[in-house]
Amino acid sequence: MAFTPSKDHKRREREQKKLDKRMARDAAKAEKKAEDEAAAVIAEAEAAEKARWDALTPDEQEFETLLKEEEAEKAEKEAE
């Protein structure tokens, strides 16, 4: 005699499949939200840096540029 799954068993399988899909969608939404929040934080930091840079006089901007170059050279020497 062959065994056939009950209708209740089939219903549970369908419901589990739906639940799995829903959980995957929710996880994807949560991941996307986290990525969007991280991008917003980065954009805010970049905007603040740009506003600070725009507030500097040309002489101060030149000094900042030279300072960054010197720091890059120093970091390069330390890496070697």
PDB file of N, CA and C in Angstrom:
ATOM      1  N   MET A   1       0.832  -1.172   0.000  1.00  0.00           N
ATOM      2  CA  MET A   1       0.000   0.000   0.000  1.00  0.00           C
ATOM      3  C   MET A   1       0.879   1.237   0.000  1.00  0.00           C
ATOM      4  N   ALA A   2       0.576   2.136  -0.883  1.00  0.00           N
ATOM      5  CA  ALA A   2       1.382   3.348  -1.042  1.00  0.00           C
ATOM      6  C   ALA A   2       0.973   4.399  -0.011  1.00  0.00           C
ATOM      7  N   PHE A   3       1.950   5.124   0.413  1.00  0.00           N
ATOM      8  CA  PHE A   3       1.690   6.189   1.382  1.00  0.00           C
ATOM      9  C   PHE A   3       1.480   7.501   0.629  1.00  0.00           C
ATOM     10  N   THR A   4       0.433   8.211   0.931  1.00  0.00           N
ATOM     11  CA  THR A   4       0.183   9.521   0.325  1.00  0.00           C
ATOM     12  C   THR A   4       0.103  10.550   1.452  1.00  0.00           C
ATOM     13  N   PRO A   5       0.779  11.682   1.265  1.00  0.00           N
ATOM     14  CA  PRO A   5       0.749  12.704   2.311  1.00  0.00           C
ATOM     15  C   PRO A   5      -0.670  13.243   2.496  1.00  0.00           C
ATOM     16  N   SER A   6      -0.979  13.571   3.710  1.00  0.00           N
ATOM     17  CA  SER A   6      -2.310  14.104   3.981  1.00  0.00           C
ATOM     18  C   SER A   6      -2.417  15.534   3.460  1.00  0.00           C
ATOM     19  N   LYS A   7      -3.667  15.973   3.317  1.00  0.00           N
ATOM     20  CA  LYS A   7      -3.888  17.343   2.864  1.00  0.00           C
ATOM     21  C   LYS A   7      -3.336  18.331   3.891  1.00  0.00           C
ATOM     22  N   ASP A   8      -3.414  17.976   5.142  1.00  0.00           N
ATOM     23  CA  ASP A   8      -2.901  18.846   6.195  1.00  0.00           C
ATOM     24  C   ASP A   8      -1.386  19.012   6.056  1.00  0.00           C
ATOM     25  N   HIS A   9      -0.718  17.932   5.739  1.00  0.00           N
ATOM     26  CA  HIS A   9       0.733  17.981   5.556  1.00  0.00           C
ATOM     27  C   HIS A   9       1.075  18.888   4.373  1.00  0.00           C
ATOM     28  N   LYS A  10       0.362  18.763   3.278  1.00  0.00           N
ATOM     29  CA  LYS A  10       0.603  19.598   2.100  1.00  0.00           C
ATOM     30  C   LYS A  10       0.354  21.069   2.435  1.00  0.00           C
ATOM     31  N   ARG A  11      -0.681  21.337   3.222  1.00  0.00           N
ATOM     32  CA  ARG A  11      -0.997  22.710   3.605  1.00  0.00           C
ATOM     33  C   ARG A  11       0.138  23.287   4.443  1.00  0.00           C
ATOM     34  N   ARG A  12       0.651  22.505   5.371  1.00  0.00           N
ATOM     35  CA  ARG A  12       1.766  22.976   6.200  1.00  0.00           C
ATOM     36  C   ARG A  12       3.001  23.277   5.357  1.00  0.00           C
ATOM     37  N   GLU A  13       3.263  22.447   4.368  1.00  0.00           N
ATOM     38  CA  GLU A  13       4.397  22.677   3.478  1.00  0.00           C
ATOM     39  C   GLU A  13       4.224  23.988   2.708  1.00  0.00           C
ATOM     40  N   ARG A  14       3.017  24.226   2.194  1.00  0.00           N
ATOM     41  CA  ARG A  14       2.755  25.481   1.476  1.00  0.00           C
ATOM     42  C   ARG A  14       2.936  26.687   2.392  1.00  0.00           C
ATOM     43  N   GLU A  15       2.395  26.590   3.592  1.00  0.00           N
ATOM     44  CA  GLU A  15       2.513  27.694   4.538  1.00  0.00           C
ATOM     45  C   GLU A  15       3.970  27.934   4.922  1.00  0.00           C
ATOM     46  N   GLN A  16       4.738  26.870   5.095  1.00  0.00           N
ATOM     47  CA  GLN A  16       6.158  27.020   5.429  1.00  0.00           C
ATOM     48  C   GLN A  16       6.911  27.678   4.284  1.00  0.00           C
ATOM     49  N   LYS A  17       6.579  27.290   3.063  1.00  0.00           N
ATOM     50  CA  LYS A  17       7.210  27.870   1.893  1.00  0.00           C
ATOM     51  C   LYS A  17       6.919  29.372   1.827  1.00  0.00           C
ATOM     52  N   LYS A  18       5.666  29.760   2.088  1.00  0.00           N
ATOM     53  CA  LYS A  18       5.292  31.173   2.096  1.00  0.00           C
ATOM     54  C   LYS A  18       6.048  31.921   3.199  1.00  0.00           C
ATOM     55  N   LEU A  19       6.149  31.299   4.368  1.00  0.00           N
ATOM     56  CA  LEU A  19       6.849  31.911   5.484  1.00  0.00           C
ATOM     57  C   LEU A  19       8.325  32.121   5.148  1.00  0.00           C
ATOM     58  N   ASP A  20       8.939  31.130   4.514  1.00  0.00           N
ATOM     59  CA  ASP A  20      10.340  31.247   4.124  1.00  0.00           C
ATOM     60  C   ASP A  20      10.540  32.406   3.148  1.00  0.00           C
ATOM     61  N   LYS A  21       9.651  32.533   2.185  1.00  0.00           N
ATOM     62  CA  LYS A  21       9.748  33.628   1.221  1.00  0.00           C
ATOM     63  C   LYS A  21       9.597  34.975   1.922  1.00  0.00           C
ATOM     64  N   ARG A  22       8.633  35.067   2.824  1.00  0.00           N
ATOM     65  CA  ARG A  22       8.392  36.316   3.545  1.00  0.00           C
ATOM     66  C   ARG A  22       9.615  36.697   4.376  1.00  0.00           C
ATOM     67  N   MET A  23      10.205  35.709   5.038  1.00  0.00           N
ATOM     68  CA  MET A  23      11.392  35.978   5.851  1.00  0.00           C
ATOM     69  C   MET A  23      12.558  36.439   4.981  1.00  0.00           C
ATOM     70  N   ALA A  24      12.717  35.856   3.808  1.00  0.00           N
ATOM     71  CA  ALA A  24      13.782  36.263   2.896  1.00  0.00           C
ATOM     72  C   ALA A  24      13.560  37.699   2.427  1.00  0.00           C
ATOM     73  N   ARG A  25      12.304  38.050   2.114  1.00  0.00           N
ATOM     74  CA  ARG A  25      11.993  39.423   1.700  1.00  0.00           C
ATOM     75  C   ARG A  25      12.291  40.405   2.825  1.00  0.00           C
ATOM     76  N   ASP A  26      11.884  40.060   4.047  1.00  0.00           N
ATOM     77  CA  ASP A  26      12.121  40.938   5.190  1.00  0.00           C
ATOM     78  C   ASP A  26      13.618  41.116   5.443  1.00  0.00           C
ATOM     79  N   ALA A  27      14.380  40.048   5.299  1.00  0.00           N
ATOM     80  CA  ALA A  27      15.827  40.141   5.493  1.00  0.00           C
ATOM     81  C   ALA A  27      16.449  41.046   4.426  1.00  0.00           C
ATOM     82  N   ALA A  28      15.984  40.923   3.188  1.00  0.00           N
ATOM     83  CA  ALA A  28      16.499  41.768   2.115  1.00  0.00           C
ATOM     84  C   ALA A  28      16.152  43.234   2.369  1.00  0.00           C
ATOM     85  N   LYS A  29      14.942  43.480   2.846  1.00  0.00           N
ATOM     86  CA  LYS A  29      14.536  44.858   3.160  1.00  0.00           C
ATOM     87  C   LYS A  29      15.403  45.430   4.271  1.00  0.00           C
ATOM     88  N   ALA A  30      15.660  44.647   5.293  1.00  0.00           N
ATOM     89  CA  ALA A  30      16.481  45.104   6.413  1.00  0.00           C
ATOM     90  C   ALA A  30      17.908  45.412   5.954  1.00  0.00           C
ATOM     91  N   GLU A  31      18.435  44.564   5.087  1.00  0.00           N
ATOM     92  CA  GLU A  31      19.787  44.774   4.567  1.00  0.00           C
ATOM     93  C   GLU A  31      19.845  46.046   3.727  1.00  0.00           C
ATOM     94  N   LYS A  32      18.845  46.248   2.892  1.00  0.00           N
ATOM     95  CA  LYS A  32      18.800  47.455   2.062  1.00  0.00           C
ATOM     96  C   LYS A  32      18.688  48.697   2.928  1.00  0.00           C
ATOM     97  N   LYS A  33      17.884  48.630   3.972  1.00  0.00           N
ATOM     98  CA  LYS A  33      17.728  49.772   4.871  1.00  0.00           C
ATOM     99  C   LYS A  33      19.055  50.103   5.546  1.00  0.00           C
ATOM    100  N   ALA A  34      19.777  49.083   5.987  1.00  0.00           N
ATOM    101  CA  ALA A  34      21.078  49.296   6.625  1.00  0.00           C
ATOM    102  C   ALA A  34      22.070  49.923   5.642  1.00  0.00           C
ATOM    103  N   GLU A  35      22.057  49.457   4.395  1.00  0.00           N
ATOM    104  CA  GLU A  35      22.941  50.018   3.378  1.00  0.00           C
ATOM    105  C   GLU A  35      22.598  51.478   3.111  1.00  0.00           C
ATOM    106  N   ASP A  36      21.293  51.781   3.030  1.00  0.00           N
ATOM    107  CA  ASP A  36      20.864  53.159   2.793  1.00  0.00           C
ATOM    108  C   ASP A  36      21.266  54.071   3.944  1.00  0.00           C
ATOM    109  N   GLU A  37      21.136  53.591   5.170  1.00  0.00           N
ATOM    110  CA  GLU A  37      21.531  54.383   6.330  1.00  0.00           C
ATOM    111  C   GLU A  37      23.032  54.636   6.333  1.00  0.00           C
ATOM    112  N   ALA A  38      23.815  53.634   5.985  1.00  0.00           N
ATOM    113  CA  ALA A  38      25.266  53.790   5.928  1.00  0.00           C
ATOM    114  C   ALA A  38      25.647  54.796   4.843  1.00  0.00           C
ATOM    115  N   ALA A  39      24.983  54.715   3.696  1.00  0.00           N
ATOM    116  CA  ALA A  39      25.251  55.658   2.608  1.00  0.00           C
ATOM    117  C   ALA A  39      24.878  57.081   3.024  1.00  0.00           C
ATOM    118  N   ALA A  40      23.799  57.225   3.775  1.00  0.00           N
ATOM    119  CA  ALA A  40      23.381  58.549   4.238  1.00  0.00           C
ATOM    120  C   ALA A  40      24.408  59.138   5.199  1.00  0.00           C
ATOM    121  N   VAL A  41      24.959  58.315   6.072  1.00  0.00           N
ATOM    122  CA  VAL A  41      25.975  58.778   7.021  1.00  0.00           C
ATOM    123  C   VAL A  41      27.220  59.232   6.266  1.00  0.00           C
ATOM    124  N   ILE A  42      27.625  58.452   5.276  1.00  0.00           N
ATOM    125  CA  ILE A  42      28.804  58.806   4.479  1.00  0.00           C
ATOM    126  C   ILE A  42      28.560  60.100   3.714  1.00  0.00           C
ATOM    127  N   ALA A  43      27.387  60.232   3.114  1.00  0.00           N
ATOM    128  CA  ALA A  43      27.058  61.441   2.359  1.00  0.00           C
ATOM    129  C   ALA A  43      27.037  62.663   3.279  1.00  0.00           C
ATOM    130  N   GLU A  44      26.525  62.483   4.481  1.00  0.00           N
ATOM    131  CA  GLU A  44      26.484  63.590   5.439  1.00  0.00           C
ATOM    132  C   GLU A  44      27.902  64.019   5.832  1.00  0.00           C
ATOM    133  N   ALA A  45      28.770  63.055   6.054  1.00  0.00           N
ATOM    134  CA  ALA A  45      30.155  63.360   6.411  1.00  0.00           C
ATOM    135  C   ALA A  45      30.866  64.082   5.263  1.00  0.00           C
ATOM    136  N   GLU A  46      30.628  63.624   4.037  1.00  0.00           N
ATOM    137  CA  GLU A  46      31.236  64.267   2.873  1.00  0.00           C
ATOM    138  C   GLU A  46      30.718  65.697   2.704  1.00  0.00           C
ATOM    139  N   ALA A  47      29.431  65.903   2.944  1.00  0.00           N
ATOM    140  CA  ALA A  47      28.854  67.237   2.827  1.00  0.00           C
ATOM    141  C   ALA A  47      29.438  68.165   3.889  1.00  0.00           C
ATOM    142  N   ALA A  48      29.632  67.653   5.095  1.00  0.00           N
ATOM    143  CA  ALA A  48      30.220  68.462   6.164  1.00  0.00           C
ATOM    144  C   ALA A  48      31.659  68.832   5.816  1.00  0.00           C
ATOM    145  N   GLU A  49      32.413  67.886   5.267  1.00  0.00           N
ATOM    146  CA  GLU A  49      33.798  68.155   4.878  1.00  0.00           C
ATOM    147  C   GLU A  49      33.846  69.185   3.751  1.00  0.00           C
ATOM    148  N   LYS A  50      32.936  69.070   2.793  1.00  0.00           N
ATOM    149  CA  LYS A  50      32.895  70.028   1.684  1.00  0.00           C
ATOM    150  C   LYS A  50      32.532  71.415   2.197  1.00  0.00           C
ATOM    151  N   ALA A  51      31.586  71.505   3.125  1.00  0.00           N
ATOM    152  CA  ALA A  51      31.200  72.800   3.690  1.00  0.00           C
ATOM    153  C   ALA A  51      32.378  73.410   4.451  1.00  0.00           C
ATOM    154  N   ARG A  52      33.121  72.565   5.186  1.00  0.00           N
ATOM    155  CA  ARG A  52      34.294  73.063   5.905  1.00  0.00           C
ATOM    156  C   ARG A  52      35.342  73.566   4.925  1.00  0.00           C
ATOM    157  N   TRP A  53      35.538  72.813   3.846  1.00  0.00           N
ATOM    158  CA  TRP A  53      36.534  73.178   2.830  1.00  0.00           C
ATOM    159  C   TRP A  53      36.138  74.489   2.160  1.00  0.00           C
ATOM    160  N   ASP A  54      34.865  74.647   1.826  1.00  0.00           N
ATOM    161  CA  ASP A  54      34.400  75.872   1.173  1.00  0.00           C
ATOM    162  C   ASP A  54      34.521  77.089   2.086  1.00  0.00           C
ATOM    163  N   ALA A  55      34.501  76.883   3.395  1.00  0.00           N
ATOM    164  CA  ALA A  55      34.598  77.986   4.343  1.00  0.00           C
ATOM    165  C   ALA A  55      36.041  78.476   4.491  1.00  0.00           C
ATOM    166  N   LEU A  56      37.007  77.676   4.055  1.00  0.00           N
ATOM    167  CA  LEU A  56      38.407  78.069   4.179  1.00  0.00           C
ATOM    168  C   LEU A  56      38.790  79.088   3.114  1.00  0.00           C
ATOM    169  N   THR A  57      39.753  79.937   3.455  1.00  0.00           N
ATOM    170  CA  THR A  57      40.276  80.887   2.469  1.00  0.00           C
ATOM    171  C   THR A  57      41.202  80.129   1.528  1.00  0.00           C
ATOM    172  N   PRO A  58      41.530  80.694   0.388  1.00  0.00           N
ATOM    173  CA  PRO A  58      42.450  79.994  -0.537  1.00  0.00           C
ATOM    174  C   PRO A  58      43.797  79.639   0.097  1.00  0.00           C
ATOM    175  N   ASP A  59      44.322  80.529   0.935  1.00  0.00           N
ATOM    176  CA  ASP A  59      45.589  80.217   1.600  1.00  0.00           C
ATOM    177  C   ASP A  59      45.438  79.030   2.541  1.00  0.00           C
ATOM    178  N   GLU A  60      44.355  78.990   3.268  1.00  0.00           N
ATOM    179  CA  GLU A  60      44.111  77.867   4.174  1.00  0.00           C
ATOM    180  C   GLU A  60      43.922  76.576   3.401  1.00  0.00           C
ATOM    181  N   GLN A  61      43.258  76.664   2.250  1.00  0.00           N
ATOM    182  CA  GLN A  61      43.062  75.477   1.416  1.00  0.00           C
ATOM    183  C   GLN A  61      44.400  74.951   0.919  1.00  0.00           C
ATOM    184  N   GLU A  62      45.269  75.851   0.509  1.00  0.00           N
ATOM    185  CA  GLU A  62      46.591  75.441   0.033  1.00  0.00           C
ATOM    186  C   GLU A  62      47.378  74.776   1.163  1.00  0.00           C
ATOM    187  N   PHE A  63      47.305  75.350   2.366  1.00  0.00           N
ATOM    188  CA  PHE A  63      47.989  74.769   3.521  1.00  0.00           C
ATOM    189  C   PHE A  63      47.451  73.375   3.825  1.00  0.00           C
ATOM    190  N   GLU A  64      46.119  73.212   3.796  1.00  0.00           N
ATOM    191  CA  GLU A  64      45.501  71.904   4.043  1.00  0.00           C
ATOM    192  C   GLU A  64      45.981  70.878   3.018  1.00  0.00           C
ATOM    193  N   THR A  65      46.063  71.301   1.763  1.00  0.00           N
ATOM    194  CA  THR A  65      46.503  70.400   0.699  1.00  0.00           C
ATOM    195  C   THR A  65      47.943  69.948   0.946  1.00  0.00           C
ATOM    196  N   LEU A  66      48.812  70.893   1.281  1.00  0.00           N
ATOM    197  CA  LEU A  66      50.206  70.546   1.565  1.00  0.00           C
ATOM    198  C   LEU A  66      50.311  69.625   2.772  1.00  0.00           C
ATOM    199  N   LEU A  67      49.516  69.898   3.790  1.00  0.00           N
ATOM    200  CA  LEU A  67      49.523  69.077   4.989  1.00  0.00           C
ATOM    201  C   LEU A  67      49.101  67.639   4.674  1.00  0.00           C
ATOM    202  N   LYS A  68      48.064  67.483   3.860  1.00  0.00           N
ATOM    203  CA  LYS A  68      47.613  66.140   3.479  1.00  0.00           C
ATOM    204  C   LYS A  68      48.678  65.409   2.679  1.00  0.00           C
ATOM    205  N   GLU A  69      49.381  66.132   1.792  1.00  0.00           N
ATOM    206  CA  GLU A  69      50.442  65.512   1.002  1.00  0.00           C
ATOM    207  C   GLU A  69      51.568  65.026   1.905  1.00  0.00           C
ATOM    208  N   GLU A  70      51.955  65.864   2.892  1.00  0.00           N
ATOM    209  CA  GLU A  70      53.016  65.472   3.815  1.00  0.00           C
ATOM    210  C   GLU A  70      52.609  64.251   4.638  1.00  0.00           C
ATOM    211  N   GLU A  71      51.347  64.213   5.080  1.00  0.00           N
ATOM    212  CA  GLU A  71      50.866  63.065   5.840  1.00  0.00           C
ATOM    213  C   GLU A  71      50.869  61.800   4.989  1.00  0.00           C
ATOM    214  N   ALA A  72      50.526  61.937   3.712  1.00  0.00           N
ATOM    215  CA  ALA A  72      50.533  60.786   2.814  1.00  0.00           C
ATOM    216  C   ALA A  72      51.956  60.266   2.621  1.00  0.00           C
ATOM    217  N   GLU A  73      52.919  61.189   2.456  1.00  0.00           N
ATOM    218  CA  GLU A  73      54.320  60.781   2.292  1.00  0.00           C
ATOM    219  C   GLU A  73      54.818  60.082   3.560  1.00  0.00           C
ATOM    220  N   LYS A  74      54.457  60.631   4.726  1.00  0.00           N
ATOM    221  CA  LYS A  74      54.891  60.046   5.983  1.00  0.00           C
ATOM    222  C   LYS A  74      54.305  58.627   6.152  1.00  0.00           C
ATOM    223  N   ALA A  75      53.035  58.475   5.803  1.00  0.00           N
ATOM    224  CA  ALA A  75      52.391  57.164   5.904  1.00  0.00           C
ATOM    225  C   ALA A  75      53.028  56.179   4.930  1.00  0.00           C
ATOM    226  N   GLU A  76      53.426  56.670   3.771  1.00  0.00           N
ATOM    227  CA  GLU A  76      54.065  55.826   2.763  1.00  0.00           C
ATOM    228  C   GLU A  76      55.423  55.338   3.272  1.00  0.00           C
ATOM    229  N   LYS A  77      56.173  56.242   3.908  1.00  0.00           N
ATOM    230  CA  LYS A  77      57.489  55.861   4.443  1.00  0.00           C
ATOM    231  C   LYS A  77      57.351  54.851   5.573  1.00  0.00           C
ATOM    232  N   GLU A  78      56.330  55.035   6.411  1.00  0.00           N
ATOM    233  CA  GLU A  78      56.114  54.107   7.516  1.00  0.00           C
ATOM    234  C   GLU A  78      55.676  52.732   7.021  1.00  0.00           C
ATOM    235  N   ALA A  79      54.995  52.695   5.886  1.00  0.00           N
ATOM    236  CA  ALA A  79      54.541  51.418   5.332  1.00  0.00           C
ATOM    237  C   ALA A  79      55.715  50.591   4.824  1.00  0.00           C
ATOM    238  N   GLU A  80      56.773  51.254   4.437  1.00  0.00           N
ATOM    239  CA  GLU A  80      57.956  50.541   3.898  1.00  0.00           C
ATOM    240  C   GLU A  80      58.782  49.985   4.964  1.00  0.00           C
TER     241      GLU A  80
END
